[in-house]
Amino acid sequence: MSARKSAYLRYLHDMGDVYITISAKEPKSPDKAAKSTAAQASVGAQISPAPEMAAPPLQQPIEEAATSGTGKAPAEKKTELHEFYAQIKDCQKCALGATRTKFVFGTGSADADIMFIGEAPGHEEDLQGIPFVGRAGRLLDKILAAAGLERNRIYIANVLKCRPPENRDPLPAEERACIPYLYRQIEIIQPRLICCLGRIAAHVLLNTKESMGNLRGAVHKMRGIPTIVTYHPAALLRNENLKHPTWDDFQFMLKFLEEQKE
């Protein structure tokens, strides 16, 4: 059995599939099978710039380093993130500031190669102040482990830093108020790749309304940084048929990173 198939079987086991057999075939995304095959043949040729959302001015401007974090040591990036958190943790730029329990800044390595971005904190995240620690977060941990990624070596954040009531979708005004904070985090960390988790994060960061089917399986550009799109773990909790396409997306992402090292 190939190492990739073994990893895929472990992934299915960890994700709770009950139909695992030793002869299980590696997945092909139902909506992207043809495109994914072509994309994986030559990932580098798939990079396509996307229109970028202009960051609106902050109500209280934050001083930015002239070098935008490029070439800085991990310790310096970590310090910048801590300082930035201290500046914005009491934010009241939108109504969500009055309803949150904790401000959910982000977590992980300040020198991460990959930055995962979701839409907004949920109930558990609001209580703990850490992104992706609820059911969807635990599922994300399993996906990362199956892909050979350590959570403490990546960085995870959301478009919004505060939980919308009842986990509703973020409002446009909330996105506009909060997105400069995320842009600054990206600027400090300077990841080699961004992974948008779900439709909302993809639409905000890539400034598009394209479907997930059209966005997956390609490498886009967000402020000059290669960006891919996959399903939010919460979607997998609702629809187990998305587990296979998500595996495809993570393999595509890892293949792209390997090609960049060559």
Protein backbone atom coordinates (compact mmCIF):
# COMPACT_ATOMS: atom_id res chain seq x y z
CA MET A 1 0.00 0.00 0.00
CA SER A 2 1.33 3.42 -0.94
CA ALA A 3 2.18 5.96 1.74
CA ARG A 4 -0.40 8.33 0.30
CA LYS A 5 -3.14 5.69 0.44
CA SER A 6 -2.16 4.78 4.00
CA ALA A 7 -2.37 8.44 4.97
CA TYR A 8 -5.76 8.71 3.30
CA LEU A 9 -7.09 5.68 5.17
CA ARG A 10 -5.87 7.15 8.46
CA TYR A 11 -7.59 10.39 7.48
CA LEU A 12 -10.89 8.57 6.88
CA HIS A 13 -10.54 6.74 10.18
CA ASP A 14 -9.86 9.93 12.11
CA MET A 15 -12.74 11.68 10.37
CA GLY A 16 -15.15 9.00 11.52
CA ASP A 17 -15.96 7.28 8.22
CA VAL A 18 -17.55 3.86 8.74
CA TYR A 19 -17.04 2.55 5.22
CA ILE A 20 -13.25 2.22 5.26
CA THR A 21 -11.83 -0.81 3.48
CA ILE A 22 -8.25 -1.74 2.67
CA SER A 23 -9.06 -1.25 -1.01
CA ALA A 24 -10.47 2.23 -0.60
CA LYS A 25 -9.64 4.40 -3.54
CA GLU A 26 -8.06 7.80 -3.14
CA PRO A 27 -10.69 10.52 -3.47
CA LYS A 28 -11.55 12.62 -6.42
CA SER A 29 -13.60 15.72 -5.80
CA PRO A 30 -17.01 15.28 -7.48
CA ASP A 31 -17.21 18.89 -8.59
CA LYS A 32 -13.54 19.34 -9.43
CA ALA A 33 -12.28 15.94 -10.63
CA ALA A 34 -11.15 17.06 -14.06
CA LYS A 35 -9.85 20.42 -12.92
CA SER A 36 -8.02 18.94 -9.93
CA THR A 37 -6.22 16.42 -12.10
CA ALA A 38 -5.02 19.11 -14.47
CA ALA A 39 -4.09 21.43 -11.62
CA GLN A 40 -1.99 18.85 -9.81
CA ALA A 41 -0.10 18.05 -13.00
CA SER A 42 1.34 21.53 -12.96
CA VAL A 43 0.47 23.53 -9.88
CA GLY A 44 2.73 26.41 -10.74
CA ALA A 45 0.79 27.10 -13.91
CA GLN A 46 -2.45 27.53 -11.96
CA ILE A 47 -1.59 30.80 -10.22
CA SER A 48 -4.21 33.38 -11.13
CA PRO A 49 -4.33 36.89 -9.64
CA ALA A 50 -7.63 37.84 -8.05
CA PRO A 51 -8.95 41.36 -7.48
CA GLU A 52 -8.01 42.58 -4.02
CA MET A 53 -10.22 44.27 -1.48
CA ALA A 54 -8.78 47.63 -0.56
CA ALA A 55 -8.29 47.81 3.18
CA PRO A 56 -10.47 50.58 4.62
CA PRO A 57 -8.74 53.06 6.92
CA LEU A 58 -8.69 52.17 10.61
CA GLN A 59 -10.63 54.46 12.91
CA GLN A 60 -7.52 54.52 15.06
CA PRO A 61 -4.57 54.15 12.65
CA ILE A 62 -1.96 51.54 13.58
CA GLU A 63 1.65 52.27 12.84
CA GLU A 64 3.05 49.82 10.28
CA ALA A 65 6.63 48.70 9.95
CA ALA A 66 8.22 49.92 6.73
CA THR A 67 9.49 46.48 5.87
CA SER A 68 6.04 44.87 6.36
CA GLY A 69 7.60 41.98 8.25
CA THR A 70 9.66 40.73 5.31
CA GLY A 71 12.97 39.16 6.29
CA LYS A 72 12.38 39.50 10.02
CA ALA A 73 13.43 36.91 12.57
CA PRO A 74 10.68 34.75 14.12
CA ALA A 75 11.21 36.36 17.53
CA GLU A 76 10.71 39.82 16.05
CA LYS A 77 7.52 38.73 14.30
CA LYS A 78 6.24 37.23 17.54
CA THR A 79 6.90 40.48 19.37
CA GLU A 80 5.09 42.45 16.66
CA LEU A 81 2.07 40.16 16.91
CA HIS A 82 1.96 40.55 20.71
CA GLU A 83 2.21 44.33 20.40
CA PHE A 84 -0.46 44.40 17.73
CA TYR A 85 -2.78 42.26 19.86
CA ALA A 86 -2.34 44.69 22.77
CA GLN A 87 -3.32 47.57 20.47
CA ILE A 88 -6.55 46.05 19.17
CA LYS A 89 -7.81 43.61 21.85
CA ASP A 90 -10.30 46.15 23.23
CA CYS A 91 -11.67 47.06 19.81
CA GLN A 92 -15.16 48.57 19.66
CA LYS A 93 -15.25 49.40 15.94
CA CYS A 94 -18.50 47.50 15.45
CA ALA A 95 -21.40 46.27 17.58
CA LEU A 96 -19.80 42.85 18.08
CA GLY A 97 -17.33 44.42 20.51
CA ALA A 98 -20.16 44.87 23.00
CA THR A 99 -21.41 41.27 22.78
CA ARG A 100 -18.18 39.25 22.75
CA THR A 101 -16.83 37.30 25.69
CA LYS A 102 -13.23 37.28 24.44
CA PHE A 103 -11.42 38.86 21.52
CA VAL A 104 -10.19 36.04 19.24
CA PHE A 105 -6.94 37.32 17.76
CA GLY A 106 -5.26 34.24 16.27
CA THR A 107 -2.89 31.47 17.28
CA GLY A 108 0.14 29.59 16.04
CA SER A 109 3.63 30.27 14.80
CA ALA A 110 4.59 33.85 13.98
CA ASP A 111 6.89 32.40 11.32
CA ALA A 112 4.33 30.02 9.80
CA ASP A 113 4.60 28.93 6.18
CA ILE A 114 0.84 28.38 6.01
CA MET A 115 -1.87 30.65 7.38
CA PHE A 116 -5.39 29.22 7.67
CA ILE A 117 -8.23 31.75 7.73
CA GLY A 118 -11.86 31.08 8.63
CA GLU A 119 -14.83 33.41 8.83
CA ALA A 120 -15.48 34.13 12.52
CA PRO A 121 -15.25 32.69 16.04
CA GLY A 122 -17.96 30.33 17.30
CA HIS A 123 -19.27 29.69 20.80
CA GLU A 124 -16.21 27.86 22.16
CA GLU A 125 -13.82 30.29 20.50
CA ASP A 126 -15.67 33.21 22.08
CA LEU A 127 -15.31 31.61 25.50
CA GLN A 128 -11.63 30.71 25.17
CA GLY A 129 -10.31 33.51 22.95
CA ILE A 130 -8.65 30.96 20.62
CA PRO A 131 -9.74 30.21 17.04
CA PHE A 132 -10.92 26.73 16.00
CA VAL A 133 -11.26 25.01 19.37
CA GLY A 134 -14.90 23.87 19.07
CA ARG A 135 -16.21 20.89 17.09
CA ALA A 136 -15.01 22.34 13.79
CA GLY A 137 -11.64 23.09 15.34
CA ARG A 138 -11.21 19.56 16.61
CA LEU A 139 -12.02 18.29 13.14
CA LEU A 140 -9.48 20.70 11.66
CA ASP A 141 -6.88 19.28 14.06
CA LYS A 142 -7.57 15.79 12.65
CA ILE A 143 -7.26 17.03 9.08
CA LEU A 144 -3.97 18.78 9.86
CA ALA A 145 -2.60 15.66 11.54
CA ALA A 146 -3.58 13.48 8.58
CA ALA A 147 -1.80 15.93 6.27
CA GLY A 148 1.32 15.88 8.43
CA LEU A 149 0.93 19.47 9.60
CA GLU A 150 1.56 20.50 13.20
CA ARG A 151 -0.83 23.08 14.57
CA ASN A 152 1.95 24.90 16.41
CA ARG A 153 3.84 25.32 13.13
CA ILE A 154 0.99 27.03 11.25
CA TYR A 155 -1.06 30.13 12.03
CA ILE A 156 -4.86 30.20 12.34
CA ALA A 157 -7.07 33.27 12.34
CA ASN A 158 -10.50 34.49 11.21
CA VAL A 159 -11.85 37.35 9.14
CA LEU A 160 -13.69 38.57 12.26
CA LYS A 161 -12.18 38.69 15.75
CA CYS A 162 -15.54 38.57 17.57
CA ARG A 163 -18.39 36.08 17.41
CA PRO A 164 -21.53 37.13 15.51
CA PRO A 165 -24.72 36.36 17.47
CA GLU A 166 -26.00 32.80 16.91
CA ASN A 167 -23.02 32.20 14.61
CA ARG A 168 -24.71 34.10 11.78
CA ASP A 169 -22.69 35.12 8.72
CA PRO A 170 -20.56 38.25 9.16
CA LEU A 171 -22.18 41.47 7.99
CA PRO A 172 -20.38 43.53 5.33
CA ALA A 173 -19.86 46.39 7.80
CA GLU A 174 -18.28 43.97 10.29
CA GLU A 175 -15.98 42.59 7.61
CA ARG A 176 -14.89 46.09 6.60
CA ALA A 177 -14.20 47.04 10.22
CA CYS A 178 -12.16 43.93 11.01
CA ILE A 179 -10.32 43.05 7.79
CA PRO A 180 -7.49 45.58 8.34
CA TYR A 181 -6.53 43.66 11.46
CA LEU A 182 -6.22 40.44 9.47
CA TYR A 183 -4.24 42.21 6.75
CA ARG A 184 -1.79 43.39 9.40
CA GLN A 185 -1.38 39.87 10.78
CA ILE A 186 -0.66 38.58 7.29
CA GLU A 187 1.80 41.42 6.78
CA ILE A 188 3.71 40.51 9.94
CA ILE A 189 3.74 36.74 9.42
CA GLN A 190 4.36 36.79 5.65
CA PRO A 191 3.21 33.19 5.08
CA ARG A 192 4.22 31.36 1.93
CA LEU A 193 0.62 30.26 1.45
CA ILE A 194 -2.83 31.25 2.69
CA CYS A 195 -5.63 28.70 2.94
CA CYS A 196 -9.16 30.11 3.06
CA LEU A 197 -11.43 27.83 5.07
CA GLY A 198 -14.87 28.19 3.58
CA ARG A 199 -16.88 30.37 1.24
CA ILE A 200 -17.01 33.52 3.35
CA ALA A 201 -13.27 33.74 4.00
CA ALA A 202 -12.61 33.08 0.31
CA HIS A 203 -15.08 35.72 -0.84
CA VAL A 204 -13.70 38.37 1.52
CA LEU A 205 -9.99 37.74 0.91
CA LEU A 206 -10.26 37.20 -2.85
CA ASN A 207 -12.98 39.84 -3.34
CA THR A 208 -15.11 37.47 -5.38
CA LYS A 209 -18.52 35.82 -5.41
CA GLU A 210 -17.39 32.72 -7.29
CA SER A 211 -18.65 29.36 -6.07
CA MET A 212 -16.49 27.02 -4.04
CA GLY A 213 -16.46 24.69 -7.02
CA ASN A 214 -14.84 27.37 -9.18
CA LEU A 215 -12.40 28.54 -6.50
CA ARG A 216 -11.05 25.18 -5.40
CA GLY A 217 -8.22 23.41 -7.21
CA ALA A 218 -6.34 26.56 -8.21
CA VAL A 219 -3.82 28.91 -6.64
CA HIS A 220 -5.03 32.50 -6.46
CA LYS A 221 -3.15 35.57 -5.27
CA MET A 222 -4.11 37.71 -2.27
CA ARG A 223 -1.85 40.74 -1.85
CA GLY A 224 0.88 38.85 -3.66
CA ILE A 225 0.59 35.73 -1.50
CA PRO A 226 -0.48 32.41 -3.08
CA THR A 227 -3.93 31.50 -1.76
CA ILE A 228 -6.00 28.35 -2.03
CA VAL A 229 -9.57 27.61 -1.01
CA THR A 230 -11.09 24.59 0.72
CA TYR A 231 -14.19 23.82 2.74
CA HIS A 232 -14.66 25.02 6.29
CA PRO A 233 -14.48 22.11 8.76
CA ALA A 234 -18.00 23.01 9.94
CA ALA A 235 -19.26 22.16 6.45
CA LEU A 236 -17.75 18.68 6.77
CA LEU A 237 -19.66 18.19 10.01
CA ARG A 238 -22.87 18.85 8.08
CA ASN A 239 -21.96 16.95 4.92
CA GLU A 240 -19.54 14.01 5.07
CA ASN A 241 -19.36 13.94 1.26
CA LEU A 242 -17.05 16.96 1.52
CA LYS A 243 -14.36 14.92 3.30
CA HIS A 244 -12.94 13.55 0.05
CA PRO A 245 -12.72 16.93 -1.73
CA THR A 246 -11.09 18.40 1.37
CA TRP A 247 -8.43 15.67 1.27
CA ASP A 248 -7.81 16.57 -2.38
CA ASP A 249 -7.41 20.23 -1.44
CA PHE A 250 -4.86 19.50 1.28
CA GLN A 251 -2.86 17.28 -1.06
CA PHE A 252 -2.96 20.04 -3.67
CA MET A 253 -1.73 22.52 -1.06
CA LEU A 254 1.14 20.29 0.05
CA LYS A 255 2.16 19.63 -3.55
CA PHE A 256 2.25 23.36 -4.23
CA LEU A 257 4.47 24.01 -1.20
CA GLU A 258 6.84 21.23 -2.22
CA GLU A 259 7.14 22.68 -5.73
CA GLN A 260 7.99 26.08 -4.27
CA LYS A 261 10.94 24.56 -2.41
CA GLU A 262 12.46 23.12 -5.59
